[in-house]
């Protein structure tokens, strides 16, 4: 009787482990940022499940550090939140060995104000808020330069800082703020202008093309990407994820969510 019971338990254990392995073979975990991208990834999940029998588990973070740390620590299999310049900078600083699976979209940053309607009305000495995250800060400074508001050193490339500003004719007071808080600064009596990322602007119902005084154009080098590790970039599940993301369903959903503000990157 004991022998029969032991055999039955062993068989059940083997079956359970086999079932787990089978499930794991059809699962992938992806880190993203909180915000409208979560709705976009609901569509990615549906396409991946329906077309590729792939179950996508999405983990949302509210900053730009944890998604890469989670990928590095193998807590997730891929992430989708960062631009290529940010990826390059983080890889140099933190020693990541990541690989770009596919470009996704350019999510244009834009300049917003609740006090003025055009840059002609921007007073001298006005306070301007920008992201304190290095890549987004550089991106914002270059956007201000494109509007003729400042000049930065050409040798700073895509990552200028406020120390690289060589000309500031309107004596603008540039204040660096945590990226998720930028939209809130629009209500500050001292803030006349804020450069805000697309995903955080969307959280407060701001659209770059509708509400922004100016925004990045199609030539922006700041395209976002799905990123995996070098050791899993060619895995079947990562490639299925890529195919699911590049579907027409996802592109249509992205245009719906972002009101046509996004620029296709693949």
C-alpha atoms as a PDB file:
ATOM      1  CA  UNK A   1       0.000   0.000   0.000  1.00  0.00           C
ATOM      2  CA  UNK A   2       2.824   2.387   0.931  1.00  0.00           C
ATOM      3  CA  UNK A   3       4.644   1.528  -2.281  1.00  0.00           C
ATOM      4  CA  UNK A   4       1.558   2.261  -4.344  1.00  0.00           C
ATOM      5  CA  UNK A   5       1.008   5.565  -2.513  1.00  0.00           C
ATOM      6  CA  UNK A   6       4.645   6.601  -3.012  1.00  0.00           C
ATOM      7  CA  UNK A   7       4.472   5.748  -6.715  1.00  0.00           C
ATOM      8  CA  UNK A   8       1.291   7.787  -7.078  1.00  0.00           C
ATOM      9  CA  UNK A   9       2.829  10.801  -5.326  1.00  0.00           C
ATOM     10  CA  UNK A  10       5.943  10.626  -7.481  1.00  0.00           C
ATOM     11  CA  UNK A  11       3.861  10.449 -10.633  1.00  0.00           C
ATOM     12  CA  UNK A  12       1.807  13.431  -9.507  1.00  0.00           C
ATOM     13  CA  UNK A  13       4.970  15.417  -8.737  1.00  0.00           C
ATOM     14  CA  UNK A  14       6.448  14.661 -12.150  1.00  0.00           C
ATOM     15  CA  UNK A  15       3.197  15.675 -13.819  1.00  0.00           C
ATOM     16  CA  UNK A  16       3.091  18.908 -11.801  1.00  0.00           C
ATOM     17  CA  UNK A  17       6.673  19.796 -12.670  1.00  0.00           C
ATOM     18  CA  UNK A  18       6.085  18.964 -16.309  1.00  0.00           C
ATOM     19  CA  UNK A  19       3.025  21.198 -16.319  1.00  0.00           C
ATOM     20  CA  UNK A  20       5.000  24.064 -14.779  1.00  0.00           C
ATOM     21  CA  UNK A  21       7.761  23.720 -17.339  1.00  0.00           C
ATOM     22  CA  UNK A  22       5.247  23.712 -20.154  1.00  0.00           C
ATOM     23  CA  UNK A  23       3.617  26.856 -18.818  1.00  0.00           C
ATOM     24  CA  UNK A  24       6.996  28.574 -18.397  1.00  0.00           C
ATOM     25  CA  UNK A  25       7.844  27.824 -22.007  1.00  0.00           C
ATOM     26  CA  UNK A  26       4.899  29.968 -23.090  1.00  0.00           C
ATOM     27  CA  UNK A  27       5.389  32.885 -20.707  1.00  0.00           C
ATOM     28  CA  UNK A  28       7.408  36.075 -20.800  1.00  0.00           C
ATOM     29  CA  UNK A  29       7.654  38.854 -18.223  1.00  0.00           C
ATOM     30  CA  UNK A  30       8.080  42.455 -19.409  1.00  0.00           C
ATOM     31  CA  UNK A  31       8.844  45.606 -17.400  1.00  0.00           C
ATOM     32  CA  UNK A  32       7.275  48.895 -18.515  1.00  0.00           C
ATOM     33  CA  UNK A  33       6.476  52.319 -17.045  1.00  0.00           C
ATOM     34  CA  UNK A  34       3.164  53.175 -15.439  1.00  0.00           C
ATOM     35  CA  UNK A  35       0.838  55.328 -17.509  1.00  0.00           C
ATOM     36  CA  UNK A  36      -0.920  54.976 -20.867  1.00  0.00           C
ATOM     37  CA  UNK A  37       1.577  52.324 -21.980  1.00  0.00           C
ATOM     38  CA  UNK A  38      -0.239  49.934 -19.661  1.00  0.00           C
ATOM     39  CA  UNK A  39      -3.320  50.102 -21.898  1.00  0.00           C
ATOM     40  CA  UNK A  40      -1.115  49.607 -24.955  1.00  0.00           C
ATOM     41  CA  UNK A  41       0.381  46.496 -23.433  1.00  0.00           C
ATOM     42  CA  UNK A  42      -3.067  45.060 -22.806  1.00  0.00           C
ATOM     43  CA  UNK A  43      -3.315  44.911 -26.599  1.00  0.00           C
ATOM     44  CA  UNK A  44       0.180  43.424 -26.906  1.00  0.00           C
ATOM     45  CA  UNK A  45      -0.842  40.733 -24.421  1.00  0.00           C
ATOM     46  CA  UNK A  46      -3.991  39.926 -26.384  1.00  0.00           C
ATOM     47  CA  UNK A  47      -2.169  39.691 -29.728  1.00  0.00           C
ATOM     48  CA  UNK A  48       0.621  37.583 -28.211  1.00  0.00           C
ATOM     49  CA  UNK A  49      -1.904  35.196 -26.695  1.00  0.00           C
ATOM     50  CA  UNK A  50      -4.172  34.912 -29.736  1.00  0.00           C
ATOM     51  CA  UNK A  51      -1.530  34.718 -32.467  1.00  0.00           C
ATOM     52  CA  UNK A  52       1.501  33.221 -30.766  1.00  0.00           C
ATOM     53  CA  UNK A  53       0.128  31.353 -27.743  1.00  0.00           C
ATOM     54  CA  UNK A  54       2.412  33.494 -25.588  1.00  0.00           C
ATOM     55  CA  UNK A  55       1.337  34.708 -22.149  1.00  0.00           C
ATOM     56  CA  UNK A  56       2.817  38.141 -21.427  1.00  0.00           C
ATOM     57  CA  UNK A  57       3.112  39.188 -17.787  1.00  0.00           C
ATOM     58  CA  UNK A  58       3.537  42.963 -17.555  1.00  0.00           C
ATOM     59  CA  UNK A  59       5.191  44.598 -14.527  1.00  0.00           C
ATOM     60  CA  UNK A  60       4.815  48.396 -14.308  1.00  0.00           C
ATOM     61  CA  UNK A  61       7.323  50.673 -12.563  1.00  0.00           C
ATOM     62  CA  UNK A  62       7.048  54.385 -11.825  1.00  0.00           C
ATOM     63  CA  UNK A  63      10.668  55.308 -12.568  1.00  0.00           C
ATOM     64  CA  UNK A  64      13.435  54.847 -15.124  1.00  0.00           C
ATOM     65  CA  UNK A  65      15.827  52.807 -12.959  1.00  0.00           C
ATOM     66  CA  UNK A  66      13.941  49.721 -11.818  1.00  0.00           C
ATOM     67  CA  UNK A  67      12.975  48.316 -15.254  1.00  0.00           C
ATOM     68  CA  UNK A  68      16.639  47.915 -16.232  1.00  0.00           C
ATOM     69  CA  UNK A  69      17.604  46.584 -12.814  1.00  0.00           C
ATOM     70  CA  UNK A  70      14.797  44.035 -13.045  1.00  0.00           C
ATOM     71  CA  UNK A  71      16.065  42.921 -16.459  1.00  0.00           C
ATOM     72  CA  UNK A  72      19.657  42.760 -15.253  1.00  0.00           C
ATOM     73  CA  UNK A  73      18.641  40.685 -12.228  1.00  0.00           C
ATOM     74  CA  UNK A  74      16.566  38.362 -14.450  1.00  0.00           C
ATOM     75  CA  UNK A  75      13.366  39.262 -12.628  1.00  0.00           C
ATOM     76  CA  UNK A  76      11.922  40.034 -16.066  1.00  0.00           C
ATOM     77  CA  UNK A  77      12.783  38.801 -19.556  1.00  0.00           C
ATOM     78  CA  UNK A  78      12.537  42.129 -21.375  1.00  0.00           C
ATOM     79  CA  UNK A  79      11.587  45.746 -20.843  1.00  0.00           C
ATOM     80  CA  UNK A  80       9.978  48.439 -22.958  1.00  0.00           C
ATOM     81  CA  UNK A  81      10.271  51.951 -21.591  1.00  0.00           C
ATOM     82  CA  UNK A  82      13.513  53.620 -22.652  1.00  0.00           C
ATOM     83  CA  UNK A  83      14.973  55.540 -25.563  1.00  0.00           C
ATOM     84  CA  UNK A  84      18.129  54.374 -27.308  1.00  0.00           C
ATOM     85  CA  UNK A  85      20.291  57.227 -25.941  1.00  0.00           C
ATOM     86  CA  UNK A  86      19.125  56.392 -22.400  1.00  0.00           C
ATOM     87  CA  UNK A  87      19.931  52.715 -22.956  1.00  0.00           C
ATOM     88  CA  UNK A  88      23.398  53.616 -24.196  1.00  0.00           C
ATOM     89  CA  UNK A  89      24.065  55.858 -21.212  1.00  0.00           C
ATOM     90  CA  UNK A  90      22.801  53.331 -18.664  1.00  0.00           C
ATOM     91  CA  UNK A  91      24.809  50.516 -20.255  1.00  0.00           C
ATOM     92  CA  UNK A  92      28.007  52.548 -19.944  1.00  0.00           C
ATOM     93  CA  UNK A  93      27.299  53.630 -16.380  1.00  0.00           C
ATOM     94  CA  UNK A  94      26.011  50.333 -14.988  1.00  0.00           C
ATOM     95  CA  UNK A  95      27.683  47.726 -17.159  1.00  0.00           C
ATOM     96  CA  UNK A  96      24.492  46.281 -18.612  1.00  0.00           C
ATOM     97  CA  UNK A  97      24.812  43.830 -21.495  1.00  0.00           C
ATOM     98  CA  UNK A  98      21.455  44.377 -23.138  1.00  0.00           C
ATOM     99  CA  UNK A  99      20.294  44.046 -26.722  1.00  0.00           C
ATOM    100  CA  UNK A 100      17.673  45.963 -28.701  1.00  0.00           C
ATOM    101  CA  UNK A 101      14.962  43.554 -29.841  1.00  0.00           C
ATOM    102  CA  UNK A 102      13.046  46.138 -31.857  1.00  0.00           C
ATOM    103  CA  UNK A 103      12.415  49.860 -31.925  1.00  0.00           C
ATOM    104  CA  UNK A 104       8.926  50.813 -30.793  1.00  0.00           C
ATOM    105  CA  UNK A 105       7.908  54.481 -31.051  1.00  0.00           C
ATOM    106  CA  UNK A 106       9.207  57.973 -30.683  1.00  0.00           C
ATOM    107  CA  UNK A 107       7.097  59.498 -27.913  1.00  0.00           C
ATOM    108  CA  UNK A 108       7.672  63.224 -28.537  1.00  0.00           C
ATOM    109  CA  UNK A 109       8.336  65.450 -25.562  1.00  0.00           C
ATOM    110  CA  UNK A 110       6.728  68.864 -25.737  1.00  0.00           C
ATOM    111  CA  UNK A 111       6.628  72.248 -24.054  1.00  0.00           C
ATOM    112  CA  UNK A 112       3.454  72.997 -22.093  1.00  0.00           C
ATOM    113  CA  UNK A 113       2.161  76.022 -20.212  1.00  0.00           C
ATOM    114  CA  UNK A 114      -0.977  77.014 -18.364  1.00  0.00           C
ATOM    115  CA  UNK A 115       0.011  80.697 -18.301  1.00  0.00           C
ATOM    116  CA  UNK A 116       0.951  81.618 -21.847  1.00  0.00           C
ATOM    117  CA  UNK A 117      -0.248  80.590 -25.300  1.00  0.00           C
ATOM    118  CA  UNK A 118       2.957  81.174 -27.271  1.00  0.00           C
ATOM    119  CA  UNK A 119       6.677  81.596 -26.645  1.00  0.00           C
ATOM    120  CA  UNK A 120       6.371  85.273 -27.612  1.00  0.00           C
ATOM    121  CA  UNK A 121       4.637  85.781 -24.256  1.00  0.00           C
ATOM    122  CA  UNK A 122       7.378  84.023 -22.249  1.00  0.00           C
ATOM    123  CA  UNK A 123       8.759  86.718 -19.924  1.00  0.00           C
ATOM    124  CA  UNK A 124      12.429  87.278 -19.188  1.00  0.00           C
ATOM    125  CA  UNK A 125      13.527  85.418 -16.071  1.00  0.00           C
ATOM    126  CA  UNK A 126      10.670  82.921 -16.316  1.00  0.00           C
ATOM    127  CA  UNK A 127      10.997  79.577 -14.534  1.00  0.00           C
ATOM    128  CA  UNK A 128      11.144  76.515 -16.794  1.00  0.00           C
ATOM    129  CA  UNK A 129      10.953  72.982 -15.374  1.00  0.00           C
ATOM    130  CA  UNK A 130      12.771  70.052 -16.975  1.00  0.00           C
ATOM    131  CA  UNK A 131      13.311  66.426 -16.048  1.00  0.00           C
ATOM    132  CA  UNK A 132      16.266  65.715 -13.756  1.00  0.00           C
ATOM    133  CA  UNK A 133      16.879  62.355 -15.490  1.00  0.00           C
ATOM    134  CA  UNK A 134      20.047  62.769 -17.551  1.00  0.00           C
ATOM    135  CA  UNK A 135      18.813  61.647 -20.958  1.00  0.00           C
ATOM    136  CA  UNK A 136      15.470  63.439 -20.735  1.00  0.00           C
ATOM    137  CA  UNK A 137      17.209  66.557 -19.431  1.00  0.00           C
ATOM    138  CA  UNK A 138      19.532  66.597 -22.443  1.00  0.00           C
ATOM    139  CA  UNK A 139      16.622  65.949 -24.758  1.00  0.00           C
ATOM    140  CA  UNK A 140      14.691  68.850 -23.193  1.00  0.00           C
ATOM    141  CA  UNK A 141      17.619  71.250 -23.449  1.00  0.00           C
ATOM    142  CA  UNK A 142      18.031  70.413 -27.120  1.00  0.00           C
ATOM    143  CA  UNK A 143      14.325  71.071 -27.630  1.00  0.00           C
ATOM    144  CA  UNK A 144      14.653  74.477 -25.944  1.00  0.00           C
ATOM    145  CA  UNK A 145      17.632  75.172 -28.200  1.00  0.00           C
ATOM    146  CA  UNK A 146      15.552  74.270 -31.258  1.00  0.00           C
ATOM    147  CA  UNK A 147      13.099  76.987 -30.189  1.00  0.00           C
ATOM    148  CA  UNK A 148      15.889  79.554 -29.980  1.00  0.00           C
ATOM    149  CA  UNK A 149      15.555  79.939 -26.203  1.00  0.00           C
ATOM    150  CA  UNK A 150      19.056  78.741 -25.287  1.00  0.00           C
ATOM    151  CA  UNK A 151      22.270  77.456 -26.854  1.00  0.00           C
ATOM    152  CA  UNK A 152      24.306  74.485 -25.647  1.00  0.00           C
ATOM    153  CA  UNK A 153      27.802  73.264 -26.471  1.00  0.00           C
ATOM    154  CA  UNK A 154      27.727  71.194 -29.681  1.00  0.00           C
ATOM    155  CA  UNK A 155      30.236  68.730 -28.245  1.00  0.00           C
ATOM    156  CA  UNK A 156      27.706  67.754 -25.549  1.00  0.00           C
ATOM    157  CA  UNK A 157      25.922  65.715 -28.211  1.00  0.00           C
ATOM    158  CA  UNK A 158      22.607  64.164 -27.156  1.00  0.00           C
ATOM    159  CA  UNK A 159      23.343  64.514 -23.440  1.00  0.00           C
ATOM    160  CA  UNK A 160      23.883  68.186 -22.599  1.00  0.00           C
ATOM    161  CA  UNK A 161      23.385  69.383 -19.038  1.00  0.00           C
ATOM    162  CA  UNK A 162      22.604  72.836 -17.712  1.00  0.00           C
ATOM    163  CA  UNK A 163      26.372  73.327 -17.367  1.00  0.00           C
ATOM    164  CA  UNK A 164      26.597  73.109 -21.166  1.00  0.00           C
ATOM    165  CA  UNK A 165      24.337  76.118 -21.718  1.00  0.00           C
ATOM    166  CA  UNK A 166      26.386  78.809 -23.466  1.00  0.00           C
ATOM    167  CA  UNK A 167      23.644  81.350 -24.136  1.00  0.00           C
ATOM    168  CA  UNK A 168      20.410  82.112 -22.275  1.00  0.00           C
ATOM    169  CA  UNK A 169      19.247  85.484 -23.614  1.00  0.00           C
ATOM    170  CA  UNK A 170      15.963  85.534 -21.675  1.00  0.00           C
ATOM    171  CA  UNK A 171      17.750  84.593 -18.418  1.00  0.00           C
ATOM    172  CA  UNK A 172      15.403  81.662 -17.956  1.00  0.00           C
ATOM    173  CA  UNK A 173      15.505  79.948 -14.557  1.00  0.00           C
ATOM    174  CA  UNK A 174      15.818  76.254 -15.382  1.00  0.00           C
ATOM    175  CA  UNK A 175      14.718  73.956 -12.560  1.00  0.00           C
ATOM    176  CA  UNK A 176      15.225  70.190 -12.662  1.00  0.00           C
ATOM    177  CA  UNK A 177      12.351  68.095 -11.292  1.00  0.00           C
ATOM    178  CA  UNK A 178      11.587  64.379 -10.902  1.00  0.00           C
ATOM    179  CA  UNK A 179      10.027  63.363 -14.215  1.00  0.00           C
ATOM    180  CA  UNK A 180       6.674  62.118 -12.812  1.00  0.00           C
ATOM    181  CA  UNK A 181       6.185  65.498 -11.071  1.00  0.00           C
ATOM    182  CA  UNK A 182       6.666  67.722 -14.123  1.00  0.00           C
ATOM    183  CA  UNK A 183       2.974  68.009 -14.993  1.00  0.00           C
ATOM    184  CA  UNK A 184       2.220  69.205 -11.449  1.00  0.00           C
ATOM    185  CA  UNK A 185       4.633  72.106 -11.834  1.00  0.00           C
ATOM    186  CA  UNK A 186       2.324  73.653 -14.441  1.00  0.00           C
ATOM    187  CA  UNK A 187       0.118  74.799 -11.544  1.00  0.00           C
ATOM    188  CA  UNK A 188       3.033  76.477  -9.766  1.00  0.00           C
ATOM    189  CA  UNK A 189       2.581  80.290  -9.940  1.00  0.00           C
ATOM    190  CA  UNK A 190       6.284  80.688 -10.776  1.00  0.00           C
ATOM    191  CA  UNK A 191       6.436  78.139 -13.616  1.00  0.00           C
ATOM    192  CA  UNK A 192       5.703  79.420 -17.109  1.00  0.00           C
ATOM    193  CA  UNK A 193       6.893  76.436 -19.109  1.00  0.00           C
ATOM    194  CA  UNK A 194       7.541  72.728 -18.575  1.00  0.00           C
ATOM    195  CA  UNK A 195       9.006  70.150 -20.955  1.00  0.00           C
ATOM    196  CA  UNK A 196       7.090  66.933 -20.278  1.00  0.00           C
ATOM    197  CA  UNK A 197       7.441  63.370 -21.528  1.00  0.00           C
ATOM    198  CA  UNK A 198       4.554  62.073 -23.590  1.00  0.00           C
ATOM    199  CA  UNK A 199       3.538  59.305 -21.174  1.00  0.00           C
ATOM    200  CA  UNK A 200       3.424  61.570 -18.113  1.00  0.00           C
ATOM    201  CA  UNK A 201       1.661  64.338 -20.039  1.00  0.00           C
ATOM    202  CA  UNK A 202      -1.004  61.858 -21.118  1.00  0.00           C
ATOM    203  CA  UNK A 203      -1.703  61.022 -17.472  1.00  0.00           C
ATOM    204  CA  UNK A 204      -3.083  64.552 -17.024  1.00  0.00           C
ATOM    205  CA  UNK A 205      -4.838  64.546 -20.410  1.00  0.00           C
ATOM    206  CA  UNK A 206      -2.242  66.611 -22.238  1.00  0.00           C
ATOM    207  CA  UNK A 207      -1.447  65.877 -25.874  1.00  0.00           C
ATOM    208  CA  UNK A 208       1.768  67.105 -27.506  1.00  0.00           C
ATOM    209  CA  UNK A 209       0.102  67.892 -30.840  1.00  0.00           C
ATOM    210  CA  UNK A 210      -3.010  69.422 -29.268  1.00  0.00           C
ATOM    211  CA  UNK A 211      -1.738  71.174 -26.141  1.00  0.00           C
ATOM    212  CA  UNK A 212       1.991  71.604 -26.620  1.00  0.00           C
ATOM    213  CA  UNK A 213       3.378  74.964 -27.715  1.00  0.00           C
ATOM    214  CA  UNK A 214       6.172  73.062 -29.450  1.00  0.00           C
ATOM    215  CA  UNK A 215       7.265  69.433 -29.703  1.00  0.00           C
ATOM    216  CA  UNK A 216       9.909  67.137 -31.127  1.00  0.00           C
ATOM    217  CA  UNK A 217       9.696  66.251 -34.797  1.00  0.00           C
ATOM    218  CA  UNK A 218       9.974  62.997 -36.708  1.00  0.00           C
ATOM    219  CA  UNK A 219      13.761  63.294 -36.925  1.00  0.00           C
ATOM    220  CA  UNK A 220      14.130  62.771 -33.167  1.00  0.00           C
ATOM    221  CA  UNK A 221      16.858  60.221 -32.316  1.00  0.00           C
ATOM    222  CA  UNK A 222      15.049  59.337 -29.103  1.00  0.00           C
ATOM    223  CA  UNK A 223      13.201  56.281 -30.353  1.00  0.00           C
ATOM    224  CA  UNK A 224      12.124  53.809 -27.668  1.00  0.00           C
ATOM    225  CA  UNK A 225      12.852  50.092 -27.810  1.00  0.00           C
ATOM    226  CA  UNK A 226      12.015  46.665 -26.475  1.00  0.00           C
ATOM    227  CA  UNK A 227      15.186  45.472 -24.771  1.00  0.00           C
ATOM    228  CA  UNK A 228      16.321  42.020 -23.663  1.00  0.00           C
ATOM    229  CA  UNK A 229      19.569  40.602 -22.332  1.00  0.00           C
ATOM    230  CA  UNK A 230      22.271  39.303 -24.629  1.00  0.00           C
ATOM    231  CA  UNK A 231      21.662  35.815 -23.232  1.00  0.00           C
ATOM    232  CA  UNK A 232      17.971  35.697 -24.170  1.00  0.00           C
ATOM    233  CA  UNK A 233      17.554  38.130 -27.083  1.00  0.00           C
ATOM    234  CA  UNK A 234      17.181  35.315 -29.640  1.00  0.00           C
ATOM    235  CA  UNK A 235      14.846  33.149 -27.575  1.00  0.00           C
ATOM    236  CA  UNK A 236      11.567  32.064 -29.148  1.00  0.00           C
ATOM    237  CA  UNK A 237       9.472  33.964 -26.621  1.00  0.00           C
ATOM    238  CA  UNK A 238      11.358  37.232 -27.095  1.00  0.00           C
ATOM    239  CA  UNK A 239      10.952  36.939 -30.864  1.00  0.00           C
ATOM    240  CA  UNK A 240       7.242  36.192 -30.476  1.00  0.00           C
ATOM    241  CA  UNK A 241       6.955  39.298 -28.291  1.00  0.00           C
ATOM    242  CA  UNK A 242       8.607  41.340 -31.032  1.00  0.00           C
ATOM    243  CA  UNK A 243       6.161  40.034 -33.633  1.00  0.00           C
ATOM    244  CA  UNK A 244       3.185  40.714 -31.393  1.00  0.00           C
ATOM    245  CA  UNK A 245       4.326  44.279 -30.748  1.00  0.00           C
ATOM    246  CA  UNK A 246       4.867  45.007 -34.427  1.00  0.00           C
ATOM    247  CA  UNK A 247       1.280  44.060 -35.248  1.00  0.00           C
ATOM    248  CA  UNK A 248      -1.253  46.388 -36.814  1.00  0.00           C
ATOM    249  CA  UNK A 249      -3.461  45.966 -33.749  1.00  0.00           C
ATOM    250  CA  UNK A 250      -0.780  47.443 -31.492  1.00  0.00           C
ATOM    251  CA  UNK A 251      -0.029  50.293 -33.897  1.00  0.00           C
ATOM    252  CA  UNK A 252      -3.723  51.162 -34.089  1.00  0.00           C
ATOM    253  CA  UNK A 253      -4.058  51.065 -30.294  1.00  0.00           C
ATOM    254  CA  UNK A 254      -0.998  53.286 -29.855  1.00  0.00           C
ATOM    255  CA  UNK A 255      -2.448  55.883 -32.214  1.00  0.00           C
ATOM    256  CA  UNK A 256      -5.750  55.725 -30.334  1.00  0.00           C
ATOM    257  CA  UNK A 257      -4.128  56.118 -26.916  1.00  0.00           C
ATOM    258  CA  UNK A 258      -1.658  58.813 -27.881  1.00  0.00           C
ATOM    259  CA  UNK A 259      -4.026  60.711 -30.183  1.00  0.00           C
ATOM    260  CA  UNK A 260      -1.650  60.413 -33.123  1.00  0.00           C
ATOM    261  CA  UNK A 261       1.303  61.885 -31.197  1.00  0.00           C
ATOM    262  CA  UNK A 262       3.480  58.776 -31.529  1.00  0.00           C
ATOM    263  CA  UNK A 263       5.898  58.129 -34.387  1.00  0.00           C
ATOM    264  CA  UNK A 264       6.351  54.508 -35.521  1.00  0.00           C
ATOM    265  CA  UNK A 265       9.940  53.364 -35.057  1.00  0.00           C
ATOM    266  CA  UNK A 266      10.132  50.007 -36.878  1.00  0.00           C
END
